[in-house]
Amino acid sequence: MDHLLNQSEISSIRNFNRSYTKLLGILNKRVLNTPLTWTEGRVLLEISFNHDKTPIEVANNLELDKSYTSRILKRFEKNGLINKSPSAKDSRSVELNLTTAGTELAQELDDRSDQQIKDLLIDLSEQEQKEFFQAMTTLNNLLFTRK
């Protein structure tokens, strides 16, 4: 398949990616003023959204290195954010669940993420917010859901 985008269009997409990354603070050391790195935040939310996940499922869902995921999970367990219990699906594995502290931190992160989006769009008119949402829906459909 021939590439239909010219170099100027590709440059525009890359510029948007850099700007949006900066706007969201993805290159900051910590996510949304929490003690977590961005990767740790994603791992915590993955466990929160999908209870009884195994470490391998978390790593696979987030496309993370399994040993890196394991180190994150050990820190979470040491810091009282998760509990591990024997897996009902596989006796060689464990299932991950958030502790009360882990649930509270995940909720805080989720709330701050929601607020970040609200703050991002606050200066847009209602029509502009609808256009933004439609553009995001289109991008999501084109890149992630049509496969």
N, C-alpha and C. Protein backbone atom coordinates (compact mmCIF):
# COMPACT_ATOMS: atom_id res chain seq x y z
N MET A 1 0.85 -1.19 0.00
CA MET A 1 0.00 0.00 0.00
C MET A 1 0.89 1.24 0.00
N ASP A 2 0.59 2.15 -0.88
CA ASP A 2 1.35 3.40 -0.95
C ASP A 2 0.98 4.30 0.22
N HIS A 3 1.96 5.03 0.70
CA HIS A 3 1.72 6.00 1.76
C HIS A 3 1.12 7.24 1.12
N LEU A 4 -0.04 7.66 1.62
CA LEU A 4 -0.76 8.77 1.02
C LEU A 4 -0.40 10.12 1.62
N LEU A 5 0.22 10.12 2.78
CA LEU A 5 0.57 11.38 3.42
C LEU A 5 1.89 11.90 2.87
N ASN A 6 1.93 13.19 2.66
CA ASN A 6 3.21 13.78 2.24
C ASN A 6 4.02 14.15 3.49
N GLN A 7 5.24 14.59 3.28
CA GLN A 7 6.13 14.87 4.41
C GLN A 7 5.59 15.99 5.29
N SER A 8 4.95 16.97 4.71
CA SER A 8 4.38 18.07 5.49
C SER A 8 3.26 17.56 6.41
N GLU A 9 2.43 16.66 5.91
CA GLU A 9 1.35 16.09 6.72
C GLU A 9 1.92 15.22 7.85
N ILE A 10 2.92 14.44 7.52
CA ILE A 10 3.57 13.62 8.55
C ILE A 10 4.18 14.51 9.62
N SER A 11 4.83 15.58 9.21
CA SER A 11 5.43 16.53 10.17
C SER A 11 4.37 17.15 11.06
N SER A 12 3.21 17.46 10.49
CA SER A 12 2.11 18.04 11.28
C SER A 12 1.61 17.06 12.33
N ILE A 13 1.49 15.80 11.96
CA ILE A 13 1.05 14.78 12.92
C ILE A 13 2.08 14.63 14.03
N ARG A 14 3.35 14.60 13.68
CA ARG A 14 4.40 14.47 14.69
C ARG A 14 4.43 15.69 15.60
N ASN A 15 4.21 16.87 15.05
CA ASN A 15 4.16 18.09 15.86
C ASN A 15 2.99 18.02 16.85
N PHE A 16 1.83 17.56 16.37
CA PHE A 16 0.68 17.39 17.26
C PHE A 16 1.03 16.42 18.39
N ASN A 17 1.64 15.30 18.04
CA ASN A 17 2.01 14.31 19.06
C ASN A 17 2.92 14.92 20.13
N ARG A 18 3.90 15.70 19.70
CA ARG A 18 4.80 16.34 20.66
C ARG A 18 4.04 17.34 21.54
N SER A 19 3.18 18.14 20.92
CA SER A 19 2.42 19.14 21.67
C SER A 19 1.47 18.50 22.67
N TYR A 20 0.78 17.45 22.25
CA TYR A 20 -0.19 16.80 23.12
C TYR A 20 0.51 16.07 24.27
N THR A 21 1.64 15.46 23.97
CA THR A 21 2.44 14.81 25.01
C THR A 21 2.85 15.82 26.07
N LYS A 22 3.30 16.99 25.63
CA LYS A 22 3.70 18.05 26.56
C LYS A 22 2.50 18.55 27.35
N LEU A 23 1.38 18.78 26.66
CA LEU A 23 0.17 19.29 27.30
C LEU A 23 -0.31 18.36 28.41
N LEU A 24 -0.28 17.07 28.17
CA LEU A 24 -0.73 16.10 29.17
C LEU A 24 0.30 15.86 30.27
N GLY A 25 1.52 16.32 30.05
CA GLY A 25 2.56 16.14 31.06
C GLY A 25 3.15 14.74 31.08
N ILE A 26 3.07 14.04 29.98
CA ILE A 26 3.51 12.65 29.93
C ILE A 26 5.01 12.51 30.18
N LEU A 27 5.77 13.55 29.87
CA LEU A 27 7.21 13.47 30.10
C LEU A 27 7.60 13.88 31.52
N ASN A 28 6.62 14.33 32.31
CA ASN A 28 6.91 14.64 33.71
C ASN A 28 7.26 13.35 34.45
N LYS A 29 8.05 13.48 35.49
CA LYS A 29 8.48 12.31 36.24
C LYS A 29 7.31 11.61 36.92
N ARG A 30 6.37 12.37 37.43
CA ARG A 30 5.22 11.81 38.16
C ARG A 30 3.92 12.16 37.43
N VAL A 31 2.94 11.29 37.57
CA VAL A 31 1.67 11.48 36.89
C VAL A 31 0.73 12.31 37.77
N LEU A 32 0.30 13.43 37.24
CA LEU A 32 -0.73 14.27 37.85
C LEU A 32 -0.51 14.52 39.35
N ASN A 33 0.72 14.86 39.71
CA ASN A 33 1.07 15.18 41.09
C ASN A 33 0.77 14.06 42.08
N THR A 34 0.94 12.83 41.63
CA THR A 34 0.86 11.67 42.53
C THR A 34 2.28 11.13 42.71
N PRO A 35 2.46 10.19 43.61
CA PRO A 35 3.80 9.61 43.77
C PRO A 35 4.17 8.60 42.67
N LEU A 36 3.27 8.38 41.73
CA LEU A 36 3.47 7.35 40.70
C LEU A 36 4.09 7.91 39.43
N THR A 37 4.90 7.07 38.77
CA THR A 37 5.33 7.40 37.42
C THR A 37 4.14 7.15 36.49
N TRP A 38 4.26 7.60 35.25
CA TRP A 38 3.17 7.37 34.30
C TRP A 38 2.90 5.88 34.09
N THR A 39 3.96 5.10 33.99
CA THR A 39 3.78 3.66 33.79
C THR A 39 3.14 3.03 35.02
N GLU A 40 3.58 3.41 36.20
CA GLU A 40 2.98 2.89 37.42
C GLU A 40 1.50 3.26 37.50
N GLY A 41 1.18 4.48 37.10
CA GLY A 41 -0.22 4.91 37.09
C GLY A 41 -1.06 4.05 36.17
N ARG A 42 -0.54 3.73 35.00
CA ARG A 42 -1.28 2.88 34.05
C ARG A 42 -1.45 1.47 34.62
N VAL A 43 -0.41 0.95 35.27
CA VAL A 43 -0.51 -0.39 35.86
C VAL A 43 -1.56 -0.38 36.97
N LEU A 44 -1.54 0.63 37.83
CA LEU A 44 -2.51 0.71 38.92
C LEU A 44 -3.93 0.78 38.37
N LEU A 45 -4.15 1.61 37.36
CA LEU A 45 -5.49 1.73 36.78
C LEU A 45 -5.91 0.45 36.06
N GLU A 46 -4.97 -0.23 35.44
CA GLU A 46 -5.29 -1.51 34.78
C GLU A 46 -5.81 -2.52 35.81
N ILE A 47 -5.17 -2.57 36.96
CA ILE A 47 -5.63 -3.47 38.02
C ILE A 47 -6.99 -3.01 38.55
N SER A 48 -7.17 -1.71 38.68
CA SER A 48 -8.42 -1.15 39.18
C SER A 48 -9.58 -1.44 38.24
N PHE A 49 -9.36 -1.26 36.95
CA PHE A 49 -10.43 -1.44 35.96
C PHE A 49 -10.72 -2.91 35.69
N ASN A 50 -9.74 -3.77 35.90
CA ASN A 50 -9.87 -5.19 35.56
C ASN A 50 -9.44 -6.04 36.76
N HIS A 51 -10.35 -6.26 37.67
CA HIS A 51 -10.05 -7.01 38.89
C HIS A 51 -9.61 -8.43 38.57
N ASP A 52 -8.86 -9.01 39.49
CA ASP A 52 -8.40 -10.39 39.39
C ASP A 52 -7.52 -10.65 38.17
N LYS A 53 -6.76 -9.66 37.79
CA LYS A 53 -5.81 -9.82 36.69
C LYS A 53 -4.56 -10.50 37.21
N THR A 54 -3.93 -11.28 36.35
CA THR A 54 -2.63 -11.84 36.70
C THR A 54 -1.55 -10.86 36.25
N PRO A 55 -0.36 -10.96 36.81
CA PRO A 55 0.72 -10.08 36.36
C PRO A 55 0.98 -10.16 34.85
N ILE A 56 0.90 -11.35 34.29
CA ILE A 56 1.13 -11.51 32.85
C ILE A 56 0.04 -10.80 32.05
N GLU A 57 -1.21 -10.89 32.51
CA GLU A 57 -2.30 -10.20 31.81
C GLU A 57 -2.10 -8.69 31.84
N VAL A 58 -1.67 -8.16 32.98
CA VAL A 58 -1.40 -6.73 33.08
C VAL A 58 -0.30 -6.34 32.11
N ALA A 59 0.80 -7.07 32.11
CA ALA A 59 1.92 -6.78 31.21
C ALA A 59 1.47 -6.85 29.75
N ASN A 60 0.73 -7.89 29.40
CA ASN A 60 0.27 -8.04 28.02
C ASN A 60 -0.70 -6.94 27.61
N ASN A 61 -1.65 -6.61 28.48
CA ASN A 61 -2.63 -5.57 28.15
C ASN A 61 -1.98 -4.22 27.93
N LEU A 62 -0.94 -3.93 28.68
CA LEU A 62 -0.26 -2.64 28.57
C LEU A 62 0.97 -2.70 27.66
N GLU A 63 1.24 -3.89 27.12
CA GLU A 63 2.40 -4.10 26.26
C GLU A 63 3.69 -3.68 26.95
N LEU A 64 3.82 -4.14 28.20
CA LEU A 64 5.01 -3.85 29.01
C LEU A 64 5.86 -5.11 29.14
N ASP A 65 7.13 -4.91 29.35
CA ASP A 65 8.04 -6.01 29.63
C ASP A 65 7.60 -6.69 30.93
N LYS A 66 7.56 -8.00 30.92
CA LYS A 66 7.07 -8.74 32.08
C LYS A 66 7.94 -8.52 33.33
N SER A 67 9.25 -8.45 33.15
CA SER A 67 10.10 -8.24 34.33
C SER A 67 9.94 -6.82 34.88
N TYR A 68 9.74 -5.84 34.01
CA TYR A 68 9.49 -4.46 34.45
C TYR A 68 8.17 -4.40 35.21
N THR A 69 7.15 -5.06 34.68
CA THR A 69 5.85 -5.11 35.34
C THR A 69 6.00 -5.77 36.71
N SER A 70 6.76 -6.84 36.78
CA SER A 70 6.98 -7.54 38.04
C SER A 70 7.62 -6.62 39.09
N ARG A 71 8.58 -5.82 38.67
CA ARG A 71 9.23 -4.89 39.61
C ARG A 71 8.23 -3.84 40.11
N ILE A 72 7.38 -3.35 39.22
CA ILE A 72 6.35 -2.38 39.62
C ILE A 72 5.41 -3.03 40.63
N LEU A 73 4.99 -4.24 40.35
CA LEU A 73 4.05 -4.93 41.25
C LEU A 73 4.68 -5.21 42.61
N LYS A 74 5.96 -5.52 42.64
CA LYS A 74 6.65 -5.71 43.93
C LYS A 74 6.65 -4.42 44.74
N ARG A 75 6.88 -3.28 44.06
CA ARG A 75 6.83 -1.98 44.76
C ARG A 75 5.41 -1.71 45.27
N PHE A 76 4.42 -2.01 44.44
CA PHE A 76 3.03 -1.80 44.86
C PHE A 76 2.71 -2.64 46.10
N GLU A 77 3.16 -3.89 46.08
CA GLU A 77 2.89 -4.77 47.22
C GLU A 77 3.62 -4.26 48.47
N LYS A 78 4.88 -3.87 48.31
CA LYS A 78 5.67 -3.32 49.43
C LYS A 78 5.02 -2.07 50.00
N ASN A 79 4.43 -1.23 49.13
CA ASN A 79 3.80 0.02 49.56
C ASN A 79 2.33 -0.16 49.95
N GLY A 80 1.86 -1.39 50.00
CA GLY A 80 0.51 -1.66 50.46
C GLY A 80 -0.58 -1.27 49.48
N LEU A 81 -0.28 -1.26 48.19
CA LEU A 81 -1.28 -0.87 47.19
C LEU A 81 -2.02 -2.06 46.59
N ILE A 82 -1.38 -3.24 46.60
CA ILE A 82 -2.02 -4.43 46.03
C ILE A 82 -1.86 -5.62 46.97
N ASN A 83 -2.76 -6.58 46.77
CA ASN A 83 -2.65 -7.90 47.38
C ASN A 83 -2.54 -8.91 46.25
N LYS A 84 -1.82 -9.97 46.50
CA LYS A 84 -1.73 -11.08 45.56
C LYS A 84 -2.40 -12.29 46.19
N SER A 85 -3.21 -12.99 45.41
CA SER A 85 -3.84 -14.22 45.89
C SER A 85 -3.69 -15.29 44.82
N PRO A 86 -3.73 -16.56 45.22
CA PRO A 86 -3.59 -17.62 44.22
C PRO A 86 -4.65 -17.48 43.13
N SER A 87 -4.24 -17.71 41.91
CA SER A 87 -5.15 -17.58 40.77
C SER A 87 -6.11 -18.77 40.72
N ALA A 88 -7.37 -18.48 40.50
CA ALA A 88 -8.36 -19.54 40.31
C ALA A 88 -8.22 -20.16 38.92
N LYS A 89 -7.62 -19.41 38.00
CA LYS A 89 -7.47 -19.87 36.61
C LYS A 89 -6.22 -20.71 36.41
N ASP A 90 -5.15 -20.38 37.14
CA ASP A 90 -3.86 -21.01 36.91
C ASP A 90 -3.12 -21.11 38.24
N SER A 91 -2.93 -22.32 38.72
CA SER A 91 -2.32 -22.51 40.03
C SER A 91 -0.87 -22.03 40.09
N ARG A 92 -0.25 -21.79 38.94
CA ARG A 92 1.14 -21.30 38.92
C ARG A 92 1.21 -19.78 39.01
N SER A 93 0.06 -19.12 38.99
CA SER A 93 0.04 -17.66 38.94
C SER A 93 -0.72 -17.09 40.13
N VAL A 94 -0.74 -15.77 40.20
CA VAL A 94 -1.48 -15.06 41.24
C VAL A 94 -2.42 -14.06 40.58
N GLU A 95 -3.44 -13.68 41.32
CA GLU A 95 -4.35 -12.62 40.88
C GLU A 95 -4.05 -11.38 41.70
N LEU A 96 -4.21 -10.24 41.07
CA LEU A 96 -3.90 -8.96 41.69
C LEU A 96 -5.18 -8.22 42.04
N ASN A 97 -5.23 -7.70 43.24
CA ASN A 97 -6.34 -6.85 43.66
C ASN A 97 -5.79 -5.68 44.45
N LEU A 98 -6.47 -4.55 44.33
CA LEU A 98 -6.05 -3.37 45.06
C LEU A 98 -6.46 -3.45 46.52
N THR A 99 -5.61 -2.94 47.38
CA THR A 99 -5.96 -2.76 48.78
C THR A 99 -6.81 -1.49 48.88
N THR A 100 -7.24 -1.16 50.08
CA THR A 100 -7.98 0.09 50.27
C THR A 100 -7.12 1.27 49.84
N ALA A 101 -5.85 1.27 50.23
CA ALA A 101 -4.94 2.36 49.84
C ALA A 101 -4.76 2.40 48.33
N GLY A 102 -4.65 1.24 47.70
CA GLY A 102 -4.52 1.18 46.24
C GLY A 102 -5.76 1.68 45.54
N THR A 103 -6.92 1.31 46.07
CA THR A 103 -8.19 1.76 45.50
C THR A 103 -8.31 3.28 45.62
N GLU A 104 -7.94 3.82 46.77
CA GLU A 104 -8.00 5.27 46.97
C GLU A 104 -7.06 6.00 46.02
N LEU A 105 -5.85 5.48 45.84
CA LEU A 105 -4.90 6.12 44.93
C LEU A 105 -5.37 6.01 43.48
N ALA A 106 -5.92 4.87 43.11
CA ALA A 106 -6.44 4.70 41.75
C ALA A 106 -7.60 5.67 41.51
N GLN A 107 -8.47 5.83 42.51
CA GLN A 107 -9.59 6.76 42.36
C GLN A 107 -9.10 8.20 42.25
N GLU A 108 -8.10 8.54 43.05
CA GLU A 108 -7.50 9.88 42.97
C GLU A 108 -6.91 10.12 41.58
N LEU A 109 -6.21 9.15 41.07
CA LEU A 109 -5.61 9.27 39.74
C LEU A 109 -6.68 9.38 38.66
N ASP A 110 -7.72 8.58 38.79
CA ASP A 110 -8.83 8.63 37.83
C ASP A 110 -9.53 9.99 37.88
N ASP A 111 -9.78 10.49 39.09
CA ASP A 111 -10.42 11.81 39.25
C ASP A 111 -9.54 12.92 38.66
N ARG A 112 -8.24 12.87 38.93
CA ARG A 112 -7.33 13.89 38.40
C ARG A 112 -7.24 13.82 36.88
N SER A 113 -7.31 12.61 36.34
CA SER A 113 -7.30 12.46 34.88
C SER A 113 -8.54 13.08 34.27
N ASP A 114 -9.70 12.84 34.90
CA ASP A 114 -10.94 13.46 34.42
C ASP A 114 -10.84 14.98 34.48
N GLN A 115 -10.32 15.50 35.60
CA GLN A 115 -10.20 16.94 35.76
C GLN A 115 -9.23 17.53 34.74
N GLN A 116 -8.18 16.81 34.43
CA GLN A 116 -7.22 17.28 33.43
C GLN A 116 -7.91 17.49 32.08
N ILE A 117 -8.79 16.58 31.70
CA ILE A 117 -9.51 16.72 30.43
C ILE A 117 -10.48 17.89 30.51
N LYS A 118 -11.18 18.04 31.63
CA LYS A 118 -12.10 19.18 31.79
C LYS A 118 -11.34 20.49 31.69
N ASP A 119 -10.17 20.56 32.35
CA ASP A 119 -9.36 21.78 32.29
C ASP A 119 -8.85 22.06 30.88
N LEU A 120 -8.53 21.00 30.16
CA LEU A 120 -8.05 21.13 28.79
C LEU A 120 -9.11 21.77 27.89
N LEU A 121 -10.36 21.42 28.13
CA LEU A 121 -11.44 21.84 27.23
C LEU A 121 -12.25 23.03 27.74
N ILE A 122 -11.93 23.53 28.91
CA ILE A 122 -12.77 24.55 29.55
C ILE A 122 -12.94 25.82 28.72
N ASP A 123 -11.92 26.19 27.97
CA ASP A 123 -11.99 27.42 27.19
C ASP A 123 -12.64 27.23 25.82
N LEU A 124 -13.02 26.00 25.51
CA LEU A 124 -13.69 25.74 24.23
C LEU A 124 -15.19 25.93 24.39
N SER A 125 -15.82 26.42 23.34
CA SER A 125 -17.28 26.54 23.36
C SER A 125 -17.90 25.14 23.35
N GLU A 126 -19.20 25.09 23.59
CA GLU A 126 -19.89 23.80 23.56
C GLU A 126 -19.72 23.13 22.19
N GLN A 127 -19.84 23.91 21.13
CA GLN A 127 -19.67 23.37 19.78
C GLN A 127 -18.24 22.87 19.56
N GLU A 128 -17.26 23.63 20.03
CA GLU A 128 -15.87 23.21 19.88
C GLU A 128 -15.58 21.94 20.68
N GLN A 129 -16.20 21.82 21.86
CA GLN A 129 -16.03 20.60 22.64
C GLN A 129 -16.63 19.40 21.91
N LYS A 130 -17.78 19.60 21.27
CA LYS A 130 -18.39 18.53 20.48
C LYS A 130 -17.49 18.15 19.31
N GLU A 131 -16.91 19.15 18.66
CA GLU A 131 -15.99 18.88 17.54
C GLU A 131 -14.76 18.12 18.03
N PHE A 132 -14.23 18.54 19.17
CA PHE A 132 -13.08 17.86 19.76
C PHE A 132 -13.42 16.40 20.03
N PHE A 133 -14.56 16.17 20.66
CA PHE A 133 -14.96 14.80 21.00
C PHE A 133 -15.16 13.97 19.73
N GLN A 134 -15.78 14.55 18.72
CA GLN A 134 -15.98 13.81 17.47
C GLN A 134 -14.65 13.48 16.82
N ALA A 135 -13.71 14.42 16.84
CA ALA A 135 -12.38 14.15 16.28
C ALA A 135 -11.69 13.03 17.05
N MET A 136 -11.78 13.04 18.38
CA MET A 136 -11.18 11.98 19.18
C MET A 136 -11.85 10.63 18.90
N THR A 137 -13.17 10.64 18.74
CA THR A 137 -13.89 9.42 18.42
C THR A 137 -13.45 8.87 17.07
N THR A 138 -13.30 9.77 16.10
CA THR A 138 -12.84 9.36 14.78
C THR A 138 -11.44 8.76 14.85
N LEU A 139 -10.53 9.44 15.54
CA LEU A 139 -9.17 8.92 15.70
C LEU A 139 -9.17 7.56 16.39
N ASN A 140 -9.96 7.43 17.44
CA ASN A 140 -10.04 6.16 18.16
C ASN A 140 -10.53 5.05 17.23
N ASN A 141 -11.56 5.34 16.46
CA ASN A 141 -12.09 4.34 15.53
C ASN A 141 -11.08 3.97 14.46
N LEU A 142 -10.40 4.96 13.90
CA LEU A 142 -9.44 4.70 12.83
C LEU A 142 -8.21 3.94 13.31
N LEU A 143 -7.75 4.27 14.51
CA LEU A 143 -6.49 3.69 14.99
C LEU A 143 -6.65 2.44 15.85
N PHE A 144 -7.75 2.32 16.58
CA PHE A 144 -7.80 1.28 17.59
C PHE A 144 -8.96 0.29 17.49
N THR A 145 -10.11 0.70 17.00
CA THR A 145 -11.26 -0.20 17.06
C THR A 145 -11.59 -0.90 15.75
N ARG A 146 -11.00 -0.50 14.67
CA ARG A 146 -11.37 -1.11 13.39
C ARG A 146 -10.55 -2.34 13.04
N LYS A 147 -9.59 -2.70 13.87
CA LYS A 147 -8.69 -3.81 13.54
C LYS A 147 -9.38 -5.13 13.54
